[in-house]
Amino acid sequence: MQIALTDPEFGPSGLLWDTLAEATFPAPPAPAPTILCRECGCTYRDNCGDGCYGVQDQDDGRCAACIDPSVVIDWSKESTTSPPSASCAVPGSTSPAPTPTWRPRPRWFTGWPPDQQSPRRRVTVALFTRPAPAPETWTPEGTIVCQRYRALEGATVLVYTADTDPGASRYAAACLGCTYRADRNARGKVMTELEAAQDANAHATACRAVPRGVPDRPDDTEAAKLIRTRLWARRYGSAPHQVRLSDFTELRVDLQRSTAWIKDLLSGVAQADPGFLTATPSGQGVRFTVQPFARP
């Protein structure tokens, strides 16, 4: 059979051209059915249970539990077993849903039962848990570390100063393997950076402590106790003692607090117990003074 094609403009109808166009350019395929709920991620097989059978309304794209919040979910049917590896059933089926063994955590869910834990949460914790800092690179809060030494067994010895004293002659040495702390030289004066470095090097050549990691950061109660204990020792003198920030340089590694936090604590102590610590305004701020014990 022979077909002659003519220009539709000269003929009475363009039906032949339309038919050939449909045969040459077929219609685009229908979109694939939605299987995963776009809100909580459940499927027909791994569904919410108790009235939820996955995505039934293709136009909405959500499961029954997400469309209707009144759908009750029985958490006693939850399990921590892994999801089945079989493929999900096509949504819209009228067959009864199988008993759910596992389902992804919905976004609106506020917490798993106490005796269970989301598998997704275990993966998240493993991926985003921040590793503990290494002693070789750790800088305590409120300090500026200028030198580090390695002891015989690998413990780190720090040479540091307060975060508000860069370039000042108030330095200290601290070993992260043992309890060694020093902020005074042989004459009882504050140490310069050179003196602190010599002291740290001398300790590193003799210390056999093994590395024990970074010291734990104390809570505010324990940190305040360290400050009060240091100040209380000054009350045994015969005259008032003027408090200086250099009095706490030795404590900085264990204290792990900023200079602003220390000043705020001193102000609170002075207001709560003026017989112990007094605060006097001065041209450079506030001067704190430890009062000695009253003697007969």
Protein backbone atom coordinates (compact mmCIF):
# COMPACT_ATOMS: atom_id res chain seq x y z
CA MET A 1 0.00 0.00 0.00
CA GLN A 2 1.31 3.44 -0.90
CA ILE A 3 0.47 6.59 1.07
CA ALA A 4 0.86 9.99 -0.43
CA LEU A 5 1.53 12.84 2.02
CA THR A 6 0.20 16.27 1.21
CA ASP A 7 0.56 19.60 2.91
CA PRO A 8 -2.31 19.93 5.42
CA GLU A 9 -2.74 23.57 4.50
CA PHE A 10 -4.07 22.51 1.10
CA GLY A 11 -6.14 19.57 2.34
CA PRO A 12 -9.37 19.47 4.29
CA SER A 13 -7.82 17.87 7.45
CA GLY A 14 -4.46 17.44 9.24
CA LEU A 15 -5.39 14.16 10.98
CA LEU A 16 -2.73 12.19 9.11
CA TRP A 17 -0.02 14.59 10.25
CA ASP A 18 -1.21 14.40 13.86
CA THR A 19 -1.21 10.58 13.75
CA LEU A 20 2.32 10.47 12.36
CA ALA A 21 3.50 12.97 14.98
CA GLU A 22 2.13 10.81 17.80
CA ALA A 23 3.79 7.74 16.33
CA THR A 24 7.13 9.51 15.94
CA PHE A 25 7.10 11.29 19.34
CA PRO A 26 5.34 9.08 21.91
CA ALA A 27 3.78 10.62 24.99
CA PRO A 28 6.04 10.89 28.09
CA PRO A 29 5.73 8.00 30.54
CA ALA A 30 3.55 8.38 33.61
CA PRO A 31 5.42 9.37 36.78
CA ALA A 32 6.50 6.56 39.09
CA PRO A 33 4.24 6.03 42.09
CA THR A 34 5.35 7.54 45.41
CA ILE A 35 6.52 4.85 47.83
CA LEU A 36 8.26 6.81 50.62
CA CYS A 37 6.19 9.21 52.68
CA ARG A 38 7.59 12.68 51.98
CA GLU A 39 7.22 13.67 55.66
CA CYS A 40 8.21 10.68 57.82
CA GLY A 41 9.75 8.28 55.29
CA CYS A 42 7.58 5.23 56.02
CA THR A 43 6.48 2.78 53.31
CA TYR A 44 3.72 0.25 52.76
CA ARG A 45 5.92 -2.50 54.21
CA ASP A 46 7.68 -0.45 56.90
CA ASN A 47 4.74 1.66 57.96
CA CYS A 48 3.61 3.48 61.07
CA GLY A 49 1.09 0.76 62.03
CA ASP A 50 -2.37 1.15 63.56
CA GLY A 51 -4.17 2.47 60.49
CA CYS A 52 -1.16 3.63 58.46
CA TYR A 53 -0.40 1.60 55.33
CA GLY A 54 2.09 3.84 53.60
CA VAL A 55 1.33 6.41 50.93
CA GLN A 56 -2.26 5.92 49.74
CA ASP A 57 -2.91 9.38 48.30
CA GLN A 58 -0.49 9.89 45.42
CA ASP A 59 -1.44 13.55 45.03
CA ASP A 60 -0.60 14.32 48.68
CA GLY A 61 2.47 12.06 48.97
CA ARG A 62 2.07 11.48 52.72
CA CYS A 63 1.02 8.47 54.76
CA ALA A 64 -2.20 8.33 56.77
CA ALA A 65 -0.41 9.07 60.07
CA CYS A 66 1.05 12.29 58.68
CA ILE A 67 -2.20 13.41 57.02
CA ASP A 68 -4.38 12.69 60.06
CA PRO A 69 -2.58 13.28 63.43
CA SER A 70 -5.39 11.41 65.20
CA VAL A 71 -4.04 8.10 63.90
CA VAL A 72 -2.77 6.29 67.01
CA ILE A 73 0.62 4.64 66.79
CA ASP A 74 1.24 1.71 69.10
CA TRP A 75 4.91 1.96 70.11
CA SER A 76 4.76 -1.51 71.65
CA LYS A 77 5.01 -2.84 68.09
CA GLU A 78 8.31 -1.09 67.58
CA SER A 79 11.48 -3.12 67.32
CA THR A 80 15.14 -2.33 66.90
CA THR A 81 15.67 -5.09 64.34
CA SER A 82 16.92 -4.08 60.92
CA PRO A 83 14.43 -3.39 58.13
CA PRO A 84 13.72 -6.23 55.70
CA SER A 85 15.75 -6.23 52.54
CA ALA A 86 12.75 -7.09 50.31
CA SER A 87 11.48 -4.34 48.06
CA CYS A 88 8.50 -2.25 49.16
CA ALA A 89 5.00 -3.07 47.89
CA VAL A 90 3.38 -0.72 45.43
CA PRO A 91 1.32 1.90 47.31
CA GLY A 92 -2.39 1.91 46.91
CA SER A 93 -2.80 -1.82 47.43
CA THR A 94 -5.90 -2.94 49.36
CA SER A 95 -4.26 -6.02 50.86
CA PRO A 96 -3.70 -5.92 54.63
CA ALA A 97 -0.36 -4.52 55.72
CA PRO A 98 2.15 -6.90 57.33
CA THR A 99 3.14 -6.47 60.95
CA PRO A 100 5.81 -3.72 61.03
CA THR A 101 9.23 -4.70 62.34
CA TRP A 102 11.06 -1.41 61.86
CA ARG A 103 10.45 2.02 60.40
CA PRO A 104 12.44 5.22 60.03
CA ARG A 105 11.94 7.81 62.74
CA PRO A 106 9.30 10.37 61.60
CA ARG A 107 10.28 14.01 61.70
CA TRP A 108 7.47 14.91 64.06
CA PHE A 109 8.45 12.22 66.54
CA THR A 110 9.88 13.71 69.77
CA GLY A 111 11.72 10.69 71.17
CA TRP A 112 12.14 6.95 71.07
CA PRO A 113 10.96 4.73 73.96
CA PRO A 114 13.46 4.62 76.87
CA ASP A 115 14.50 1.03 76.13
CA GLN A 116 15.10 1.65 72.43
CA GLN A 117 17.33 3.82 70.33
CA SER A 118 16.97 4.96 66.76
CA PRO A 119 19.42 3.22 64.40
CA ARG A 120 19.74 6.52 62.56
CA ARG A 121 20.74 8.25 65.81
CA ARG A 122 23.51 5.74 66.44
CA VAL A 123 24.98 6.52 63.02
CA THR A 124 24.65 10.28 63.60
CA VAL A 125 26.42 10.10 66.97
CA ALA A 126 29.25 8.08 65.44
CA LEU A 127 29.70 10.55 62.57
CA PHE A 128 29.41 13.84 64.43
CA THR A 129 30.90 13.12 67.87
CA ARG A 130 33.72 15.60 68.38
CA PRO A 131 36.97 13.83 69.29
CA ALA A 132 38.73 14.77 72.51
CA PRO A 133 41.57 17.27 72.04
CA ALA A 134 45.10 15.92 72.08
CA PRO A 135 47.39 17.11 74.90
CA GLU A 136 50.04 18.04 72.32
CA THR A 137 47.79 20.69 70.79
CA TRP A 138 45.41 21.53 73.65
CA THR A 139 45.18 25.11 74.92
CA PRO A 140 43.35 25.52 78.26
CA GLU A 141 40.56 28.07 78.33
CA GLY A 142 41.78 31.43 79.59
CA THR A 143 45.44 30.82 78.63
CA ILE A 144 47.90 31.43 75.80
CA VAL A 145 50.30 28.49 75.37
CA CYS A 146 53.65 29.60 74.01
CA GLN A 147 55.80 26.45 74.37
CA ARG A 148 55.33 22.69 74.81
CA TYR A 149 57.82 20.06 75.99
CA ARG A 150 57.65 16.27 75.91
CA ALA A 151 58.55 14.34 79.07
CA LEU A 152 60.37 11.00 79.15
CA GLU A 153 57.24 8.86 78.75
CA GLY A 154 55.44 11.24 76.40
CA ALA A 155 53.53 13.54 78.76
CA THR A 156 53.20 17.16 77.62
CA VAL A 157 54.56 20.07 79.69
CA LEU A 158 53.01 23.47 78.91
CA VAL A 159 54.46 26.95 79.21
CA TYR A 160 51.60 29.46 79.26
CA THR A 161 50.32 32.82 80.42
CA ALA A 162 46.87 34.32 81.04
CA ASP A 163 44.77 35.27 78.02
CA THR A 164 44.95 38.95 79.03
CA ASP A 165 48.73 39.02 79.54
CA PRO A 166 50.39 38.41 76.14
CA GLY A 167 53.97 39.61 76.36
CA ALA A 168 53.78 40.22 80.12
CA SER A 169 56.29 38.67 82.51
CA ARG A 170 53.82 36.35 84.23
CA TYR A 171 54.20 32.77 83.00
CA ALA A 172 53.74 29.31 84.46
CA ALA A 173 54.58 25.68 83.69
CA ALA A 174 52.22 22.73 84.03
CA CYS A 175 52.64 19.00 83.32
CA LEU A 176 49.66 17.13 81.85
CA GLY A 177 51.05 13.78 82.99
CA CYS A 178 51.41 14.56 86.71
CA THR A 179 50.33 17.23 89.18
CA TYR A 180 53.32 19.52 88.65
CA ARG A 181 52.37 23.22 88.52
CA ALA A 182 54.74 26.18 88.97
CA ASP A 183 54.35 29.94 88.57
CA ARG A 184 57.17 31.24 90.82
CA ASN A 185 60.93 31.17 90.43
CA ALA A 186 63.48 30.32 93.12
CA ARG A 187 63.20 33.84 94.56
CA GLY A 188 59.42 33.54 94.95
CA LYS A 189 58.73 36.03 92.14
CA VAL A 190 56.51 35.55 89.09
CA MET A 191 58.34 33.85 86.24
CA THR A 192 59.20 35.33 82.87
CA GLU A 193 58.72 33.26 79.72
CA LEU A 194 62.40 32.28 79.72
CA GLU A 195 62.28 31.18 83.36
CA ALA A 196 59.06 29.21 82.79
CA ALA A 197 60.58 27.53 79.73
CA GLN A 198 63.69 26.52 81.68
CA ASP A 199 61.52 25.19 84.50
CA ALA A 200 59.33 23.18 82.07
CA ASN A 201 62.39 21.75 80.30
CA ALA A 202 63.95 20.71 83.61
CA HIS A 203 60.77 18.97 84.65
CA ALA A 204 60.38 17.24 81.27
CA THR A 205 63.89 15.75 81.51
CA ALA A 206 63.02 14.08 84.84
CA CYS A 207 59.27 13.36 84.71
CA ARG A 208 58.40 9.71 84.01
CA ALA A 209 54.61 10.16 84.11
CA VAL A 210 52.74 8.61 81.20
CA PRO A 211 50.25 10.76 79.22
CA ARG A 212 46.82 10.86 80.81
CA GLY A 213 44.97 13.10 78.38
CA VAL A 214 43.47 16.53 78.87
CA PRO A 215 42.23 17.39 82.38
CA ASP A 216 38.46 17.44 82.79
CA ARG A 217 36.88 20.87 82.86
CA PRO A 218 35.38 21.44 86.34
CA ASP A 219 31.88 22.76 86.74
CA ASP A 220 31.30 26.27 88.09
CA THR A 221 30.98 25.05 91.69
CA GLU A 222 34.34 23.24 91.61
CA ALA A 223 35.99 26.14 89.78
CA ALA A 224 34.73 28.62 92.38
CA LYS A 225 36.06 26.35 95.12
CA LEU A 226 39.55 26.48 93.58
CA ILE A 227 39.47 30.29 93.64
CA ARG A 228 38.13 30.55 97.19
CA THR A 229 40.70 28.06 98.49
CA ARG A 230 43.53 30.08 96.97
CA LEU A 231 42.17 33.31 98.48
CA TRP A 232 41.45 31.74 101.88
CA ALA A 233 45.12 30.85 102.29
CA ARG A 234 45.90 34.58 102.14
CA ARG A 235 43.87 35.25 105.31
CA TYR A 236 46.53 33.77 107.57
CA GLY A 237 48.80 36.79 107.09
CA SER A 238 48.93 39.77 109.40
CA ALA A 239 48.01 42.37 106.76
CA PRO A 240 45.41 42.56 104.00
CA HIS A 241 46.43 40.96 100.72
CA GLN A 242 45.75 42.73 97.44
CA VAL A 243 44.47 40.22 94.88
CA ARG A 244 46.20 40.12 91.49
CA LEU A 245 45.34 38.01 88.47
CA SER A 246 48.81 36.51 88.68
CA ASP A 247 47.66 34.80 91.90
CA PHE A 248 45.66 32.40 89.70
CA THR A 249 48.14 31.74 86.89
CA GLU A 250 49.16 28.42 88.41
CA LEU A 251 45.49 27.35 88.57
CA ARG A 252 44.66 28.16 84.95
CA VAL A 253 45.21 24.64 83.58
CA ASP A 254 42.90 23.10 86.18
CA LEU A 255 40.51 26.06 86.35
CA GLN A 256 39.88 26.40 82.57
CA ARG A 257 38.05 29.71 82.91
CA SER A 258 38.51 33.10 81.29
CA THR A 259 39.76 36.20 83.10
CA ALA A 260 36.30 37.77 82.83
CA TRP A 261 34.80 34.77 84.65
CA ILE A 262 37.34 35.13 87.47
CA LYS A 263 36.56 38.83 87.89
CA ASP A 264 32.82 38.14 88.00
CA LEU A 265 33.38 35.50 90.67
CA LEU A 266 35.49 37.88 92.79
CA SER A 267 32.76 40.51 92.57
CA GLY A 268 30.19 37.97 93.76
CA VAL A 269 32.34 36.86 96.67
CA ALA A 270 32.95 40.46 97.72
CA GLN A 271 29.22 41.17 97.76
CA ALA A 272 28.34 37.97 99.63
CA ASP A 273 31.15 38.07 102.21
CA PRO A 274 32.75 41.53 102.62
CA GLY A 275 34.53 40.37 105.76
CA PHE A 276 36.49 37.94 103.59
CA LEU A 277 36.99 39.91 100.36
CA THR A 278 36.46 43.62 99.78
CA ALA A 279 36.07 45.45 96.46
CA THR A 280 37.29 49.04 96.12
CA PRO A 281 36.90 51.10 92.93
CA SER A 282 40.17 52.30 91.46
CA GLY A 283 41.31 54.18 88.40
CA GLN A 284 41.86 50.92 86.49
CA GLY A 285 38.68 49.17 87.58
CA VAL A 286 38.04 47.37 90.87
CA ARG A 287 40.68 46.41 93.45
CA PHE A 288 39.99 43.27 95.48
CA THR A 289 41.59 42.75 98.89
CA VAL A 290 41.59 39.65 101.09
CA GLN A 291 41.03 40.56 104.73
CA PRO A 292 43.08 38.65 107.35
CA PHE A 293 41.52 36.80 110.23
CA ALA A 294 40.63 38.98 113.19
CA ARG A 295 43.22 38.46 115.90
CA PRO A 296 42.81 39.25 119.61
